[in-house]
Amino acid sequence: MLNYIDEATTSLGELMTLRGMRAKEGCLIAIQEIIHLLKAAVVYTLPENGIVGDLGAALDNLQPSMVGLPSPVVALQYHVSDFSAIKPGEYPVPKRIALCVDCTKGTPSASPFLTYLVSKCEPAFQRHGGIIVVPIYFIEGIWMPNAFGSVLISTTTHAAGDNVYLISGQKLKTASVPVSPFPLMPEMAHLIIDQFGIDQALRDAAKDVNDEMLVLAGMLAARTWTDHL
């Protein structure tokens, strides 16, 4: 039985005490808020590789009206063993959490952190709402949020803005519901942007978060929200 949520909350607390992290105020705030969200989340343990049903069909069938969660905060925990599609230079990450926050009805005014995240998202997300996705990985003995998160926007690609991408995957068709990455860990994200430029950084971020978006899309299309821990 997976127990990634407890592992992650403990590990993230330890991450905040590391010397290299203590000077990154924005990252510290993000980590602290992520810990709170993980503790509040309804947790779903997914099958191996996070696959729920036919992902190809899930992507074909995913529509803006289906973008919504059964609870305000959901954590999808899953183990990955299939790295057949991994590319040179990419690092296999078996243990993963997709922390998802429902913003289909607007951001709770009582959450300055979520309000801040939404302000960093594509304006289409601010207009139409959707789901914030925070990827959390177990790398080199510690749980770590990705520098970028992503949002699944409750609209079609035709109504979205410039910095949007399609959910895609190996041998899978694309959905009409767009996603858009945003800086999650500010100091880390800004270092990447400074090094590669904003356009390349966002393209790379969309690829990095793609697995979590595929997993979420599968759950939304399958409507498999009955079994959780």
C-alpha atoms as a PDB file:
ATOM      1  CA  MET A   1       0.000   0.000   0.000  1.00  0.00           C
ATOM      2  CA  LEU A   2       1.416   3.364  -1.039  1.00  0.00           C
ATOM      3  CA  ASN A   3       1.904   5.966   1.661  1.00  0.00           C
ATOM      4  CA  TYR A   4       3.410   8.764  -0.370  1.00  0.00           C
ATOM      5  CA  ILE A   5       1.417  11.587   1.219  1.00  0.00           C
ATOM      6  CA  ASP A   6       2.781  11.046   4.737  1.00  0.00           C
ATOM      7  CA  GLU A   7       6.270  10.522   3.313  1.00  0.00           C
ATOM      8  CA  ALA A   8       6.027  13.716   1.304  1.00  0.00           C
ATOM      9  CA  THR A   9       4.723  15.960   4.090  1.00  0.00           C
ATOM     10  CA  THR A  10       7.545  14.834   6.388  1.00  0.00           C
ATOM     11  CA  SER A  11      10.163  15.151   3.658  1.00  0.00           C
ATOM     12  CA  LEU A  12       8.972  18.591   2.549  1.00  0.00           C
ATOM     13  CA  GLY A  13       9.220  19.808   6.131  1.00  0.00           C
ATOM     14  CA  GLU A  14      12.838  18.646   6.179  1.00  0.00           C
ATOM     15  CA  LEU A  15      13.460  20.269   2.793  1.00  0.00           C
ATOM     16  CA  MET A  16      12.553  23.649   4.267  1.00  0.00           C
ATOM     17  CA  THR A  17      15.415  23.387   6.762  1.00  0.00           C
ATOM     18  CA  LEU A  18      18.139  22.803   4.161  1.00  0.00           C
ATOM     19  CA  ARG A  19      20.707  25.593   3.897  1.00  0.00           C
ATOM     20  CA  GLY A  20      20.208  26.074   0.168  1.00  0.00           C
ATOM     21  CA  MET A  21      16.462  26.478   0.604  1.00  0.00           C
ATOM     22  CA  ARG A  22      16.347  28.788   3.621  1.00  0.00           C
ATOM     23  CA  ALA A  23      17.238  31.873   1.549  1.00  0.00           C
ATOM     24  CA  LYS A  24      14.498  31.194  -1.022  1.00  0.00           C
ATOM     25  CA  GLU A  25      11.523  32.877   0.630  1.00  0.00           C
ATOM     26  CA  GLY A  26       9.120  32.228  -2.241  1.00  0.00           C
ATOM     27  CA  CYS A  27      10.005  28.542  -2.336  1.00  0.00           C
ATOM     28  CA  LEU A  28       9.581  28.238   1.429  1.00  0.00           C
ATOM     29  CA  ILE A  29       6.094  29.751   1.251  1.00  0.00           C
ATOM     30  CA  ALA A  30       5.180  27.420  -1.607  1.00  0.00           C
ATOM     31  CA  ILE A  31       6.430  24.327   0.236  1.00  0.00           C
ATOM     32  CA  GLN A  32       4.617  25.265   3.452  1.00  0.00           C
ATOM     33  CA  GLU A  33       1.357  25.765   1.568  1.00  0.00           C
ATOM     34  CA  ILE A  34       1.830  22.515  -0.360  1.00  0.00           C
ATOM     35  CA  ILE A  35       2.218  20.682   2.962  1.00  0.00           C
ATOM     36  CA  HIS A  36      -1.096  22.178   4.153  1.00  0.00           C
ATOM     37  CA  LEU A  37      -2.816  21.178   0.908  1.00  0.00           C
ATOM     38  CA  LEU A  38      -1.460  17.622   1.085  1.00  0.00           C
ATOM     39  CA  LYS A  39      -2.800  17.251   4.620  1.00  0.00           C
ATOM     40  CA  ALA A  40      -6.206  18.538   3.512  1.00  0.00           C
ATOM     41  CA  ALA A  41      -6.392  16.471   0.326  1.00  0.00           C
ATOM     42  CA  VAL A  42      -8.621  13.513  -0.398  1.00  0.00           C
ATOM     43  CA  VAL A  43      -6.098  10.888  -1.490  1.00  0.00           C
ATOM     44  CA  TYR A  44      -6.546   8.484  -4.404  1.00  0.00           C
ATOM     45  CA  THR A  45      -4.096   5.651  -4.988  1.00  0.00           C
ATOM     46  CA  LEU A  46      -3.912   4.908  -8.696  1.00  0.00           C
ATOM     47  CA  PRO A  47      -2.918   1.695 -10.479  1.00  0.00           C
ATOM     48  CA  GLU A  48       0.667   1.149 -11.598  1.00  0.00           C
ATOM     49  CA  ASN A  49       1.883   3.945 -13.892  1.00  0.00           C
ATOM     50  CA  GLY A  50      -1.195   5.982 -12.964  1.00  0.00           C
ATOM     51  CA  ILE A  51      -3.202   4.498 -15.807  1.00  0.00           C
ATOM     52  CA  VAL A  52      -6.967   4.510 -15.356  1.00  0.00           C
ATOM     53  CA  GLY A  53      -8.819   2.999 -18.309  1.00  0.00           C
ATOM     54  CA  ASP A  54      -7.949   3.821 -21.914  1.00  0.00           C
ATOM     55  CA  LEU A  55      -5.929   7.039 -21.878  1.00  0.00           C
ATOM     56  CA  GLY A  56      -6.340   7.481 -25.622  1.00  0.00           C
ATOM     57  CA  ALA A  57     -10.114   7.412 -25.277  1.00  0.00           C
ATOM     58  CA  ALA A  58      -9.873   9.617 -22.184  1.00  0.00           C
ATOM     59  CA  LEU A  59      -8.079  12.327 -24.131  1.00  0.00           C
ATOM     60  CA  ASP A  60     -10.492  12.049 -27.061  1.00  0.00           C
ATOM     61  CA  ASN A  61     -13.489  12.366 -24.743  1.00  0.00           C
ATOM     62  CA  LEU A  62     -12.218  15.040 -22.353  1.00  0.00           C
ATOM     63  CA  GLN A  63     -14.321  18.196 -22.579  1.00  0.00           C
ATOM     64  CA  PRO A  64     -14.291  21.504 -20.632  1.00  0.00           C
ATOM     65  CA  SER A  65     -17.515  20.533 -18.856  1.00  0.00           C
ATOM     66  CA  MET A  66     -15.689  17.528 -17.356  1.00  0.00           C
ATOM     67  CA  VAL A  67     -12.984  19.657 -15.706  1.00  0.00           C
ATOM     68  CA  GLY A  68     -13.781  19.496 -12.007  1.00  0.00           C
ATOM     69  CA  LEU A  69     -12.866  17.530  -8.896  1.00  0.00           C
ATOM     70  CA  PRO A  70     -15.069  15.695  -6.389  1.00  0.00           C
ATOM     71  CA  SER A  71     -13.326  17.543  -3.531  1.00  0.00           C
ATOM     72  CA  PRO A  72     -11.636  20.950  -3.279  1.00  0.00           C
ATOM     73  CA  VAL A  73      -8.198  19.310  -2.990  1.00  0.00           C
ATOM     74  CA  VAL A  74      -7.261  15.900  -4.353  1.00  0.00           C
ATOM     75  CA  ALA A  75      -3.910  14.078  -4.243  1.00  0.00           C
ATOM     76  CA  LEU A  76      -3.259  11.364  -6.827  1.00  0.00           C
ATOM     77  CA  GLN A  77      -0.433   9.083  -5.703  1.00  0.00           C
ATOM     78  CA  TYR A  78       1.029   6.491  -8.022  1.00  0.00           C
ATOM     79  CA  HIS A  79       4.138   4.468  -8.816  1.00  0.00           C
ATOM     80  CA  VAL A  80       5.755   4.451 -12.253  1.00  0.00           C
ATOM     81  CA  SER A  81       7.616   1.430 -13.593  1.00  0.00           C
ATOM     82  CA  ASP A  82       7.302   1.958 -17.360  1.00  0.00           C
ATOM     83  CA  PHE A  83      10.093   4.221 -18.582  1.00  0.00           C
ATOM     84  CA  SER A  84      10.134   2.903 -22.148  1.00  0.00           C
ATOM     85  CA  ALA A  85       9.400   6.378 -23.507  1.00  0.00           C
ATOM     86  CA  ILE A  86      12.110   8.136 -21.505  1.00  0.00           C
ATOM     87  CA  LYS A  87      14.527  10.219 -23.580  1.00  0.00           C
ATOM     88  CA  PRO A  88      18.295  10.733 -23.156  1.00  0.00           C
ATOM     89  CA  GLY A  89      18.967  13.198 -20.372  1.00  0.00           C
ATOM     90  CA  GLU A  90      15.632  12.556 -18.666  1.00  0.00           C
ATOM     91  CA  TYR A  91      15.611  11.122 -15.159  1.00  0.00           C
ATOM     92  CA  PRO A  92      13.280   8.228 -14.235  1.00  0.00           C
ATOM     93  CA  VAL A  93      11.076   9.123 -11.264  1.00  0.00           C
ATOM     94  CA  PRO A  94       9.084   6.135  -9.941  1.00  0.00           C
ATOM     95  CA  LYS A  95       7.284   7.773  -6.965  1.00  0.00           C
ATOM     96  CA  ARG A  96       4.929  10.627  -7.806  1.00  0.00           C
ATOM     97  CA  ILE A  97       2.099  12.749  -6.475  1.00  0.00           C
ATOM     98  CA  ALA A  98      -0.194  14.973  -8.514  1.00  0.00           C
ATOM     99  CA  LEU A  99      -1.690  17.479  -6.062  1.00  0.00           C
ATOM    100  CA  CYS A 100      -4.832  18.932  -7.659  1.00  0.00           C
ATOM    101  CA  VAL A 101      -6.812  21.987  -6.530  1.00  0.00           C
ATOM    102  CA  ASP A 102     -10.278  22.687  -7.912  1.00  0.00           C
ATOM    103  CA  CYS A 103     -10.642  26.294  -9.065  1.00  0.00           C
ATOM    104  CA  THR A 104     -13.681  25.800 -11.281  1.00  0.00           C
ATOM    105  CA  LYS A 105     -15.738  28.114  -9.090  1.00  0.00           C
ATOM    106  CA  GLY A 106     -13.037  30.670  -8.432  1.00  0.00           C
ATOM    107  CA  THR A 107     -10.187  30.814  -5.965  1.00  0.00           C
ATOM    108  CA  PRO A 108     -11.084  30.819  -2.247  1.00  0.00           C
ATOM    109  CA  SER A 109     -10.535  34.339  -0.961  1.00  0.00           C
ATOM    110  CA  ALA A 110      -9.175  32.859   2.263  1.00  0.00           C
ATOM    111  CA  SER A 111      -6.180  31.422   0.411  1.00  0.00           C
ATOM    112  CA  PRO A 112      -3.639  34.132  -0.477  1.00  0.00           C
ATOM    113  CA  PHE A 113      -1.302  31.433  -1.818  1.00  0.00           C
ATOM    114  CA  LEU A 114      -3.841  30.082  -4.319  1.00  0.00           C
ATOM    115  CA  THR A 115      -4.768  33.631  -5.280  1.00  0.00           C
ATOM    116  CA  TYR A 116      -1.082  34.284  -5.947  1.00  0.00           C
ATOM    117  CA  LEU A 117      -0.751  31.130  -8.061  1.00  0.00           C
ATOM    118  CA  VAL A 118      -3.785  32.031 -10.146  1.00  0.00           C
ATOM    119  CA  SER A 119      -2.284  35.481 -10.776  1.00  0.00           C
ATOM    120  CA  LYS A 120       0.740  33.744 -12.327  1.00  0.00           C
ATOM    121  CA  CYS A 121      -1.389  31.572 -14.608  1.00  0.00           C
ATOM    122  CA  GLU A 122      -2.521  32.128 -18.160  1.00  0.00           C
ATOM    123  CA  PRO A 123      -5.341  34.757 -18.201  1.00  0.00           C
ATOM    124  CA  ALA A 124      -7.659  32.165 -19.773  1.00  0.00           C
ATOM    125  CA  PHE A 125      -7.477  30.217 -16.510  1.00  0.00           C
ATOM    126  CA  GLN A 126      -8.388  33.319 -14.555  1.00  0.00           C
ATOM    127  CA  ARG A 127     -11.437  33.815 -16.800  1.00  0.00           C
ATOM    128  CA  HIS A 128     -12.670  30.233 -17.146  1.00  0.00           C
ATOM    129  CA  GLY A 129     -11.282  28.430 -14.081  1.00  0.00           C
ATOM    130  CA  GLY A 130     -10.071  24.860 -13.994  1.00  0.00           C
ATOM    131  CA  ILE A 131      -7.708  22.726 -11.950  1.00  0.00           C
ATOM    132  CA  ILE A 132      -4.286  23.615 -10.563  1.00  0.00           C
ATOM    133  CA  VAL A 133      -1.860  20.684 -10.687  1.00  0.00           C
ATOM    134  CA  VAL A 134       1.255  20.605  -8.485  1.00  0.00           C
ATOM    135  CA  PRO A 135       3.700  17.805  -9.405  1.00  0.00           C
ATOM    136  CA  ILE A 136       5.674  16.391  -6.472  1.00  0.00           C
ATOM    137  CA  TYR A 137       8.482  13.907  -7.108  1.00  0.00           C
ATOM    138  CA  PHE A 138      10.719  11.684  -4.992  1.00  0.00           C
ATOM    139  CA  ILE A 139      14.237  12.399  -6.283  1.00  0.00           C
ATOM    140  CA  GLU A 140      17.582  11.508  -4.698  1.00  0.00           C
ATOM    141  CA  GLY A 141      16.037  10.594  -1.367  1.00  0.00           C
ATOM    142  CA  ILE A 142      13.760  13.612  -0.920  1.00  0.00           C
ATOM    143  CA  TRP A 143      10.316  14.720  -2.052  1.00  0.00           C
ATOM    144  CA  MET A 144      10.443  17.901  -4.124  1.00  0.00           C
ATOM    145  CA  PRO A 145       7.815  20.008  -5.935  1.00  0.00           C
ATOM    146  CA  ASN A 146       8.601  20.750  -9.559  1.00  0.00           C
ATOM    147  CA  ALA A 147       9.747  24.308 -10.273  1.00  0.00           C
ATOM    148  CA  PHE A 148       6.619  24.724 -12.399  1.00  0.00           C
ATOM    149  CA  GLY A 149       3.043  23.631 -11.913  1.00  0.00           C
ATOM    150  CA  SER A 150       0.356  23.546 -14.568  1.00  0.00           C
ATOM    151  CA  VAL A 151      -3.338  24.248 -14.911  1.00  0.00           C
ATOM    152  CA  LEU A 152      -6.030  22.392 -16.802  1.00  0.00           C
ATOM    153  CA  ILE A 153      -8.261  25.130 -18.196  1.00  0.00           C
ATOM    154  CA  SER A 154     -12.017  24.686 -18.361  1.00  0.00           C
ATOM    155  CA  THR A 155     -12.323  25.839 -21.971  1.00  0.00           C
ATOM    156  CA  THR A 156     -11.201  24.797 -25.442  1.00  0.00           C
ATOM    157  CA  THR A 157      -7.873  25.565 -27.054  1.00  0.00           C
ATOM    158  CA  HIS A 158      -9.617  28.012 -29.390  1.00  0.00           C
ATOM    159  CA  ALA A 159     -10.717  30.160 -26.449  1.00  0.00           C
ATOM    160  CA  ALA A 160      -7.418  29.980 -24.572  1.00  0.00           C
ATOM    161  CA  GLY A 161      -4.414  32.299 -24.708  1.00  0.00           C
ATOM    162  CA  ASP A 162      -0.856  32.155 -25.996  1.00  0.00           C
ATOM    163  CA  ASN A 163       0.973  30.029 -23.426  1.00  0.00           C
ATOM    164  CA  VAL A 164      -1.241  26.967 -23.680  1.00  0.00           C
ATOM    165  CA  TYR A 165      -0.441  23.441 -24.772  1.00  0.00           C
ATOM    166  CA  LEU A 166      -2.309  20.234 -25.494  1.00  0.00           C
ATOM    167  CA  ILE A 167      -2.116  17.257 -23.176  1.00  0.00           C
ATOM    168  CA  SER A 168      -0.158  14.727 -25.169  1.00  0.00           C
ATOM    169  CA  GLY A 169       1.654  11.471 -24.661  1.00  0.00           C
ATOM    170  CA  GLN A 170       3.361   8.604 -26.418  1.00  0.00           C
ATOM    171  CA  LYS A 171       1.000   7.178 -29.060  1.00  0.00           C
ATOM    172  CA  LEU A 172      -1.925   9.161 -27.640  1.00  0.00           C
ATOM    173  CA  LYS A 173      -4.126  11.648 -29.396  1.00  0.00           C
ATOM    174  CA  THR A 174      -4.534  15.167 -28.026  1.00  0.00           C
ATOM    175  CA  ALA A 175      -7.444  16.664 -26.171  1.00  0.00           C
ATOM    176  CA  SER A 176      -9.185  19.921 -26.894  1.00  0.00           C
ATOM    177  CA  VAL A 177      -8.837  20.994 -23.273  1.00  0.00           C
ATOM    178  CA  PRO A 178      -5.651  23.071 -22.907  1.00  0.00           C
ATOM    179  CA  VAL A 179      -3.033  23.161 -20.179  1.00  0.00           C
ATOM    180  CA  SER A 180      -0.693  25.972 -19.231  1.00  0.00           C
ATOM    181  CA  PRO A 181       2.392  25.883 -16.971  1.00  0.00           C
ATOM    182  CA  PHE A 182       3.118  28.531 -14.355  1.00  0.00           C
ATOM    183  CA  PRO A 183       6.002  29.250 -11.918  1.00  0.00           C
ATOM    184  CA  LEU A 184       5.369  27.308  -8.700  1.00  0.00           C
ATOM    185  CA  MET A 185       8.707  27.552  -6.880  1.00  0.00           C
ATOM    186  CA  PRO A 186       9.529  31.189  -7.736  1.00  0.00           C
ATOM    187  CA  GLU A 187      13.294  31.369  -7.296  1.00  0.00           C
ATOM    188  CA  MET A 188      13.896  28.006  -8.980  1.00  0.00           C
ATOM    189  CA  ALA A 189      11.546  28.825 -11.864  1.00  0.00           C
ATOM    190  CA  HIS A 190      13.159  32.215 -12.420  1.00  0.00           C
ATOM    191  CA  LEU A 191      16.621  30.646 -12.640  1.00  0.00           C
ATOM    192  CA  ILE A 192      15.338  28.380 -15.402  1.00  0.00           C
ATOM    193  CA  ILE A 193      13.673  31.298 -17.192  1.00  0.00           C
ATOM    194  CA  ASP A 194      16.841  33.396 -16.965  1.00  0.00           C
ATOM    195  CA  GLN A 195      18.893  30.549 -18.420  1.00  0.00           C
ATOM    196  CA  PHE A 196      16.620  29.391 -21.246  1.00  0.00           C
ATOM    197  CA  GLY A 197      14.170  32.241 -21.812  1.00  0.00           C
ATOM    198  CA  ILE A 198      10.480  32.281 -20.988  1.00  0.00           C
ATOM    199  CA  ASP A 199       9.263  30.505 -24.137  1.00  0.00           C
ATOM    200  CA  GLN A 200      11.643  27.553 -23.833  1.00  0.00           C
ATOM    201  CA  ALA A 201      11.123  27.352 -20.080  1.00  0.00           C
ATOM    202  CA  LEU A 202       7.352  27.090 -20.505  1.00  0.00           C
ATOM    203  CA  ARG A 203       7.637  24.505 -23.284  1.00  0.00           C
ATOM    204  CA  ASP A 204       9.949  22.383 -21.138  1.00  0.00           C
ATOM    205  CA  ALA A 205       7.673  22.831 -18.115  1.00  0.00           C
ATOM    206  CA  ALA A 206       4.666  21.642 -20.113  1.00  0.00           C
ATOM    207  CA  LYS A 207       6.598  18.467 -20.993  1.00  0.00           C
ATOM    208  CA  ASP A 208       7.722  17.958 -17.395  1.00  0.00           C
ATOM    209  CA  VAL A 209       4.168  18.135 -16.056  1.00  0.00           C
ATOM    210  CA  ASN A 210       2.641  16.179 -18.919  1.00  0.00           C
ATOM    211  CA  ASP A 211       2.529  12.858 -17.046  1.00  0.00           C
ATOM    212  CA  GLU A 212       0.527  14.386 -14.214  1.00  0.00           C
ATOM    213  CA  MET A 213      -1.875  16.015 -16.683  1.00  0.00           C
ATOM    214  CA  LEU A 214      -2.370  12.657 -18.433  1.00  0.00           C
ATOM    215  CA  VAL A 215      -3.133  10.970 -15.124  1.00  0.00           C
ATOM    216  CA  LEU A 216      -5.630  13.681 -14.193  1.00  0.00           C
ATOM    217  CA  ALA A 217      -7.242  13.545 -17.638  1.00  0.00           C
ATOM    218  CA  GLY A 218      -7.691   9.796 -17.278  1.00  0.00           C
ATOM    219  CA  MET A 219      -9.410  10.237 -13.924  1.00  0.00           C
ATOM    220  CA  LEU A 220     -11.685  13.004 -15.213  1.00  0.00           C
ATOM    221  CA  ALA A 221     -12.743  11.061 -18.281  1.00  0.00           C
ATOM    222  CA  ALA A 222     -13.226   7.777 -16.398  1.00  0.00           C
ATOM    223  CA  ARG A 223     -14.984   9.515 -13.493  1.00  0.00           C
ATOM    224  CA  THR A 224     -13.295   7.011 -11.186  1.00  0.00           C
ATOM    225  CA  TRP A 225     -13.524   8.865  -7.892  1.00  0.00           C
ATOM    226  CA  THR A 226     -15.163   6.240  -5.709  1.00  0.00           C
ATOM    227  CA  ASP A 227     -12.170   4.407  -4.248  1.00  0.00           C
ATOM    228  CA  HIS A 228      -9.791   6.432  -2.129  1.00  0.00           C
ATOM    229  CA  LEU A 229      -7.747   6.152   1.054  1.00  0.00           C
END
